[in-house]
Amino acid sequence: MPRYDSGGEKKMLRTISMVLWIIGFGLMAYAFFWFDPTVAAPEPVAGMGSLFPTGRTANLQLLVGQLVLTINGAALFVGGCVVEVAASVRDASARNHPEKTGEGRGTH
């Protein structure tokens, strides 16, 4: 009987890679489209006119938070890709070299 069941392990690795892809893509999408790195600017000081901006202005701490979310999301997404490739390579290796996995041996 073969000792290597490529179907179960491959399915598990593919599931792990899909979870990493989804979490990574979700983090990047949140950082790009919904994370607001701006804060309300103070009202102009009397007599200063338009020297100070009004409305919203970028906050460096929030920009760094957005960058961290983007980098972590990209790392998870790439990690999912690496797991997917590893699952494919492992499955191809098991099909091409059954003697290393126990499938080519007889039951003595």
Protein backbone atom coordinates (compact mmCIF):
# COMPACT_ATOMS: atom_id res chain seq x y z
CA MET A 1 0.00 0.00 0.00
CA PRO A 2 1.30 3.50 -0.72
CA ARG A 3 2.42 5.48 2.27
CA TYR A 4 2.04 8.85 0.56
CA ASP A 5 -1.41 10.30 0.04
CA SER A 6 -0.79 13.33 -2.16
CA GLY A 7 -4.47 14.22 -2.41
CA GLY A 8 -5.00 15.03 1.27
CA GLU A 9 -1.78 16.93 1.80
CA LYS A 10 -2.13 18.81 -1.46
CA LYS A 11 -5.67 19.82 -0.57
CA MET A 12 -4.57 20.98 2.89
CA LEU A 13 -1.68 23.02 1.46
CA ARG A 14 -3.93 24.55 -1.19
CA THR A 15 -6.44 25.50 1.52
CA ILE A 16 -3.69 27.14 3.59
CA SER A 17 -2.43 29.02 0.54
CA MET A 18 -5.93 30.25 -0.33
CA VAL A 19 -6.46 31.49 3.24
CA LEU A 20 -3.15 33.37 3.11
CA TRP A 21 -4.05 34.84 -0.30
CA ILE A 22 -7.44 36.03 0.91
CA ILE A 23 -6.12 37.55 4.15
CA GLY A 24 -3.19 39.20 2.36
CA PHE A 25 -5.35 40.59 -0.44
CA GLY A 26 -7.92 41.78 2.09
CA LEU A 27 -5.29 43.65 4.12
CA MET A 28 -3.87 45.30 1.01
CA ALA A 29 -7.33 46.26 -0.27
CA TYR A 30 -8.23 47.75 3.12
CA ALA A 31 -4.97 49.71 3.24
CA PHE A 32 -5.39 51.03 -0.31
CA PHE A 33 -9.10 51.76 -0.51
CA TRP A 34 -10.63 52.16 2.97
CA PHE A 35 -7.85 53.20 5.36
CA ASP A 36 -7.92 56.99 5.74
CA PRO A 37 -4.49 58.40 6.68
CA THR A 38 -5.74 61.99 6.91
CA VAL A 39 -6.97 64.06 9.83
CA ALA A 40 -8.98 67.25 10.02
CA ALA A 41 -6.78 70.35 9.70
CA PRO A 42 -7.24 73.13 12.22
CA GLU A 43 -9.14 76.25 11.25
CA PRO A 44 -6.95 79.09 10.03
CA VAL A 45 -5.73 81.54 12.65
CA ALA A 46 -7.31 84.98 12.46
CA GLY A 47 -5.13 87.28 10.40
CA MET A 48 -3.14 84.48 8.78
CA GLY A 49 -5.53 84.05 5.86
CA SER A 50 -4.69 81.08 3.68
CA LEU A 51 -1.26 80.45 5.18
CA PHE A 52 -2.52 77.25 6.85
CA PRO A 53 -4.57 74.70 4.93
CA THR A 54 -8.11 73.85 5.86
CA GLY A 55 -9.91 70.57 5.32
CA ARG A 56 -7.91 67.38 5.73
CA THR A 57 -4.16 66.83 5.87
CA ALA A 58 -1.96 63.73 5.92
CA ASN A 59 -0.89 62.33 9.28
CA LEU A 60 2.54 60.64 9.21
CA GLN A 61 1.68 58.14 11.93
CA LEU A 62 -1.40 57.02 9.99
CA LEU A 63 0.63 56.86 6.77
CA VAL A 64 3.11 54.54 8.51
CA GLY A 65 0.19 52.40 9.71
CA GLN A 66 -1.08 52.20 6.16
CA LEU A 67 2.37 51.18 4.95
CA VAL A 68 2.64 48.48 7.61
CA LEU A 69 -0.77 47.07 6.62
CA THR A 70 0.27 47.03 2.98
CA ILE A 71 3.60 45.30 3.66
CA ASN A 72 2.00 42.68 5.93
CA GLY A 73 -0.71 42.01 3.37
CA ALA A 74 1.86 41.63 0.61
CA ALA A 75 3.93 39.27 2.79
CA LEU A 76 0.90 37.07 3.48
CA PHE A 77 -0.06 37.08 -0.20
CA VAL A 78 3.47 36.09 -1.27
CA GLY A 79 3.54 33.46 1.50
CA GLY A 80 0.37 31.97 0.04
CA CYS A 81 2.00 31.87 -3.39
CA VAL A 82 5.06 30.09 -1.96
CA VAL A 83 2.88 27.49 -0.22
CA GLU A 84 0.97 26.92 -3.49
CA VAL A 85 4.20 26.41 -5.43
CA ALA A 86 5.55 24.09 -2.72
CA ALA A 87 2.38 21.98 -2.91
CA SER A 88 2.66 21.74 -6.69
CA VAL A 89 6.36 20.84 -6.60
CA ARG A 90 5.79 18.23 -3.92
CA ASP A 91 2.94 16.66 -5.88
CA ALA A 92 4.95 16.66 -9.12
CA SER A 93 7.92 15.12 -7.32
CA ALA A 94 5.73 12.37 -5.86
CA ARG A 95 4.31 11.57 -9.30
CA ASN A 96 7.72 11.53 -11.01
CA HIS A 97 9.62 9.64 -8.30
CA PRO A 98 7.27 7.16 -6.63
CA GLU A 99 10.17 5.11 -5.26
CA LYS A 100 11.08 7.92 -2.85
CA THR A 101 7.56 8.07 -1.44
CA GLY A 102 7.00 4.34 -1.00
CA GLU A 103 4.57 3.89 -3.90
CA GLY A 104 7.07 1.97 -6.05
CA ARG A 105 7.91 -0.66 -3.43
CA GLY A 106 6.17 -3.96 -3.15
CA THR A 107 4.67 -5.18 0.09
CA HIS A 108 7.11 -7.88 1.28
